């Protein structure tokens, strides 16, 4: 009979431990879902700008580059833009 009481107490102890773990995991899952939603909103807001930048980048032709290379001393803004384009490629 004592072993039955001991087994029942052990079962209840383990059950409480599992409940604590489940509660912690559930809270963490809710936090992760919040971060995920924020990240998806940020991505959705940035996507149009990224698409526009890629479209502009892909519209540059070899003729455009040759014309800019012909400049002996291009303005600083042109140099900076080309540095950015090189980073994007």
N, C-alpha and C. Protein backbone atom coordinates (compact mmCIF):
# COMPACT_ATOMS: atom_id res chain seq x y z
N UNK A 1 0.82 -1.19 0.00
CA UNK A 1 0.00 0.00 0.00
C UNK A 1 0.87 1.26 0.00
N UNK A 2 1.98 1.24 0.74
CA UNK A 2 2.86 2.41 0.79
C UNK A 2 3.50 2.70 -0.57
N UNK A 3 3.80 1.65 -1.30
CA UNK A 3 4.39 1.85 -2.62
C UNK A 3 3.40 2.53 -3.54
N UNK A 4 2.10 2.28 -3.36
CA UNK A 4 1.08 2.93 -4.18
C UNK A 4 1.02 4.42 -3.88
N UNK A 5 1.12 4.78 -2.63
CA UNK A 5 1.12 6.20 -2.24
C UNK A 5 2.39 6.87 -2.77
N UNK A 6 3.51 6.20 -2.64
CA UNK A 6 4.78 6.76 -3.12
C UNK A 6 4.73 6.94 -4.64
N UNK A 7 4.18 5.97 -5.35
CA UNK A 7 4.07 6.07 -6.81
C UNK A 7 3.15 7.22 -7.20
N UNK A 8 2.07 7.38 -6.46
CA UNK A 8 1.11 8.47 -6.73
C UNK A 8 1.78 9.82 -6.50
N UNK A 9 2.55 9.95 -5.42
CA UNK A 9 3.25 11.20 -5.13
C UNK A 9 4.28 11.51 -6.22
N UNK A 10 4.99 10.48 -6.67
CA UNK A 10 5.98 10.69 -7.72
C UNK A 10 5.28 11.11 -9.01
N UNK A 11 4.16 10.50 -9.31
CA UNK A 11 3.39 10.86 -10.50
C UNK A 11 2.95 12.31 -10.43
N UNK A 12 2.44 12.74 -9.29
CA UNK A 12 1.98 14.12 -9.14
C UNK A 12 3.14 15.11 -9.23
N UNK A 13 4.29 14.74 -8.69
CA UNK A 13 5.47 15.60 -8.76
C UNK A 13 5.91 15.78 -10.21
N UNK A 14 5.99 14.68 -10.92
CA UNK A 14 6.40 14.74 -12.32
C UNK A 14 5.37 15.52 -13.13
N UNK A 15 4.12 15.31 -12.84
CA UNK A 15 3.04 16.03 -13.55
C UNK A 15 3.17 17.53 -13.35
N UNK A 16 3.49 17.96 -12.13
CA UNK A 16 3.66 19.39 -11.86
C UNK A 16 4.89 19.93 -12.59
N UNK A 17 5.96 19.14 -12.62
CA UNK A 17 7.16 19.57 -13.33
C UNK A 17 6.89 19.74 -14.83
N UNK A 18 6.15 18.80 -15.37
CA UNK A 18 5.79 18.87 -16.79
C UNK A 18 4.91 20.09 -17.04
N UNK A 19 3.99 20.40 -16.17
CA UNK A 19 3.13 21.56 -16.32
C UNK A 19 3.94 22.85 -16.33
N UNK A 20 4.95 22.93 -15.46
CA UNK A 20 5.82 24.11 -15.42
C UNK A 20 6.58 24.25 -16.73
N UNK A 21 7.11 23.15 -17.24
CA UNK A 21 7.86 23.18 -18.50
C UNK A 21 6.95 23.58 -19.65
N UNK A 22 5.76 23.00 -19.71
CA UNK A 22 4.81 23.34 -20.77
C UNK A 22 4.44 24.81 -20.71
N UNK A 23 4.23 25.33 -19.51
CA UNK A 23 3.90 26.75 -19.35
C UNK A 23 5.02 27.63 -19.88
N UNK A 24 6.27 27.29 -19.54
CA UNK A 24 7.42 28.06 -20.01
C UNK A 24 7.56 28.01 -21.53
N UNK A 25 7.37 26.83 -22.09
CA UNK A 25 7.47 26.67 -23.54
C UNK A 25 6.35 27.44 -24.25
N UNK A 26 5.17 27.42 -23.69
CA UNK A 26 4.04 28.15 -24.28
C UNK A 26 4.30 29.65 -24.28
N UNK A 27 4.84 30.17 -23.18
CA UNK A 27 5.17 31.60 -23.12
C UNK A 27 6.25 31.94 -24.14
N UNK A 28 7.26 31.10 -24.26
CA UNK A 28 8.35 31.34 -25.21
C UNK A 28 7.81 31.31 -26.63
N UNK A 29 6.90 30.39 -26.92
CA UNK A 29 6.30 30.31 -28.25
C UNK A 29 5.52 31.58 -28.58
N UNK A 30 4.83 32.14 -27.60
CA UNK A 30 4.09 33.38 -27.81
C UNK A 30 5.06 34.54 -28.09
N UNK A 31 6.18 34.59 -27.37
CA UNK A 31 7.18 35.63 -27.61
C UNK A 31 7.77 35.49 -29.02
N UNK A 32 8.06 34.27 -29.42
CA UNK A 32 8.62 34.02 -30.75
C UNK A 32 7.61 34.43 -31.82
N UNK A 33 6.34 34.14 -31.61
CA UNK A 33 5.31 34.51 -32.59
C UNK A 33 5.23 36.03 -32.73
N UNK A 34 5.38 36.76 -31.63
CA UNK A 34 5.35 38.21 -31.67
C UNK A 34 6.53 38.75 -32.47
N UNK A 35 7.71 38.22 -32.22
CA UNK A 35 8.91 38.65 -32.95
C UNK A 35 8.76 38.32 -34.43
N UNK A 36 8.22 37.15 -34.73
CA UNK A 36 8.02 36.74 -36.12
C UNK A 36 7.06 37.68 -36.83
N UNK A 37 5.97 38.03 -36.17
CA UNK A 37 5.01 38.96 -36.77
C UNK A 37 5.65 40.32 -37.04
N UNK A 38 6.44 40.81 -36.10
CA UNK A 38 7.14 42.09 -36.29
C UNK A 38 8.10 42.01 -37.48
N UNK A 39 8.83 40.92 -37.57
CA UNK A 39 9.79 40.76 -38.66
C UNK A 39 9.08 40.68 -40.01
N UNK A 40 7.96 39.99 -40.05
CA UNK A 40 7.20 39.89 -41.30
C UNK A 40 6.63 41.24 -41.72
N UNK A 41 6.20 42.05 -40.74
CA UNK A 41 5.71 43.40 -41.06
C UNK A 41 6.84 44.26 -41.60
N UNK A 42 8.01 44.19 -40.96
CA UNK A 42 9.16 44.95 -41.43
C UNK A 42 9.57 44.53 -42.83
N UNK A 43 9.56 43.23 -43.08
CA UNK A 43 9.92 42.73 -44.39
C UNK A 43 8.92 43.20 -45.45
N UNK A 44 7.64 43.16 -45.12
CA UNK A 44 6.62 43.61 -46.06
C UNK A 44 6.78 45.10 -46.37
N UNK A 45 7.18 45.88 -45.38
CA UNK A 45 7.37 47.31 -45.60
C UNK A 45 8.61 47.57 -46.46
N UNK A 46 9.65 46.76 -46.31
CA UNK A 46 10.90 46.97 -47.04
C UNK A 46 10.89 46.36 -48.44
N UNK A 47 10.03 45.40 -48.68
CA UNK A 47 10.01 44.66 -49.95
C UNK A 47 9.82 45.56 -51.16
N UNK A 48 8.89 46.51 -51.16
CA UNK A 48 8.74 47.38 -52.34
C UNK A 48 10.02 48.16 -52.66
N UNK A 49 10.69 48.67 -51.65
CA UNK A 49 11.93 49.42 -51.88
C UNK A 49 13.01 48.50 -52.45
N UNK A 50 13.10 47.29 -51.93
CA UNK A 50 14.06 46.32 -52.44
C UNK A 50 13.77 45.99 -53.89
N UNK A 51 12.51 45.74 -54.20
CA UNK A 51 12.13 45.42 -55.58
C UNK A 51 12.45 46.58 -56.53
N UNK A 52 12.17 47.80 -56.09
CA UNK A 52 12.47 48.98 -56.92
C UNK A 52 13.98 49.12 -57.14
N UNK A 53 14.76 48.88 -56.08
CA UNK A 53 16.21 48.98 -56.21
C UNK A 53 16.76 47.92 -57.16
N UNK A 54 16.24 46.71 -57.07
CA UNK A 54 16.69 45.65 -57.96
C UNK A 54 16.30 45.93 -59.41
N UNK A 55 15.11 46.47 -59.62
CA UNK A 55 14.68 46.84 -60.97
C UNK A 55 15.59 47.92 -61.54
N UNK A 56 15.90 48.92 -60.72
CA UNK A 56 16.80 49.98 -61.18
C UNK A 56 18.19 49.43 -61.47
N UNK A 57 18.66 48.56 -60.62
CA UNK A 57 19.99 47.97 -60.80
C UNK A 57 20.04 47.16 -62.09
N UNK A 58 18.99 46.39 -62.33
CA UNK A 58 18.97 45.55 -63.52
C UNK A 58 18.76 46.35 -64.80
N UNK A 59 18.36 47.60 -64.69
CA UNK A 59 18.15 48.42 -65.88
C UNK A 59 19.45 49.06 -66.37
N UNK A 60 20.53 48.97 -65.59
CA UNK A 60 21.81 49.51 -66.00
C UNK A 60 22.38 48.65 -67.13
N UNK A 61 22.77 49.31 -68.21
CA UNK A 61 23.30 48.59 -69.37
C UNK A 61 24.81 48.79 -69.46
N UNK A 62 25.42 48.01 -70.32
CA UNK A 62 26.86 48.13 -70.57
C UNK A 62 27.17 49.51 -71.13
N UNK A 63 26.26 50.03 -71.94
CA UNK A 63 26.44 51.37 -72.53
C UNK A 63 26.51 52.43 -71.43
N UNK A 64 25.67 52.29 -70.41
CA UNK A 64 25.69 53.23 -69.28
C UNK A 64 27.05 53.21 -68.58
N UNK A 65 27.57 52.04 -68.37
CA UNK A 65 28.85 51.89 -67.67
C UNK A 65 29.99 52.45 -68.51
N UNK A 66 29.97 52.17 -69.82
CA UNK A 66 31.00 52.70 -70.71
C UNK A 66 30.97 54.22 -70.70
N UNK A 67 29.78 54.80 -70.73
CA UNK A 67 29.65 56.25 -70.70
C UNK A 67 30.21 56.85 -69.41
N UNK A 68 30.00 56.19 -68.31
CA UNK A 68 30.53 56.69 -67.04
C UNK A 68 32.03 56.48 -66.91
N UNK A 69 32.51 55.38 -67.49
CA UNK A 69 33.96 55.14 -67.47
C UNK A 69 34.70 56.20 -68.27
N UNK A 70 34.02 56.77 -69.26
CA UNK A 70 34.65 57.78 -70.11
C UNK A 70 34.91 59.06 -69.33
N UNK A 71 34.23 59.26 -68.22
CA UNK A 71 34.48 60.46 -67.41
C UNK A 71 35.84 60.32 -66.74
N UNK A 72 36.69 61.29 -66.96
CA UNK A 72 38.04 61.24 -66.37
C UNK A 72 37.99 61.38 -64.85
N UNK A 73 37.18 62.31 -64.38
CA UNK A 73 37.05 62.54 -62.94
C UNK A 73 35.57 62.75 -62.62
N UNK A 74 34.84 61.63 -62.43
CA UNK A 74 33.39 61.77 -62.18
C UNK A 74 33.13 62.47 -60.84
N UNK A 75 31.98 63.11 -60.74
CA UNK A 75 31.63 63.76 -59.48
C UNK A 75 31.59 62.73 -58.34
N UNK A 76 31.80 63.21 -57.13
CA UNK A 76 31.82 62.32 -55.96
C UNK A 76 30.53 61.53 -55.81
N UNK A 77 29.40 62.16 -56.12
CA UNK A 77 28.12 61.45 -55.98
C UNK A 77 28.07 60.25 -56.92
N UNK A 78 28.62 60.40 -58.12
CA UNK A 78 28.64 59.28 -59.07
C UNK A 78 29.54 58.16 -58.53
N UNK A 79 30.68 58.53 -57.96
CA UNK A 79 31.57 57.53 -57.37
C UNK A 79 30.87 56.77 -56.23
N UNK A 80 30.16 57.50 -55.40
CA UNK A 80 29.45 56.86 -54.28
C UNK A 80 28.35 55.92 -54.77
N UNK A 81 27.64 56.38 -55.80
CA UNK A 81 26.56 55.53 -56.34
C UNK A 81 27.14 54.25 -56.89
N UNK A 82 28.26 54.36 -57.61
CA UNK A 82 28.86 53.14 -58.17
C UNK A 82 29.41 52.24 -57.07
N UNK A 83 29.92 52.82 -56.02
CA UNK A 83 30.35 52.00 -54.88
C UNK A 83 29.17 51.21 -54.32
N UNK A 84 28.03 51.87 -54.21
CA UNK A 84 26.81 51.19 -53.71
C UNK A 84 26.36 50.10 -54.66
N UNK A 85 26.39 50.39 -55.95
CA UNK A 85 25.99 49.39 -56.96
C UNK A 85 26.90 48.18 -56.87
N UNK A 86 28.20 48.41 -56.70
CA UNK A 86 29.13 47.29 -56.58
C UNK A 86 28.81 46.44 -55.35
N UNK A 87 28.40 47.09 -54.28
CA UNK A 87 28.03 46.33 -53.07
C UNK A 87 26.77 45.50 -53.31
N UNK A 88 25.82 46.03 -54.06
CA UNK A 88 24.57 45.31 -54.33
C UNK A 88 24.80 44.12 -55.26
N UNK A 89 25.71 44.26 -56.17
CA UNK A 89 25.97 43.17 -57.11
C UNK A 89 26.63 42.07 -56.35
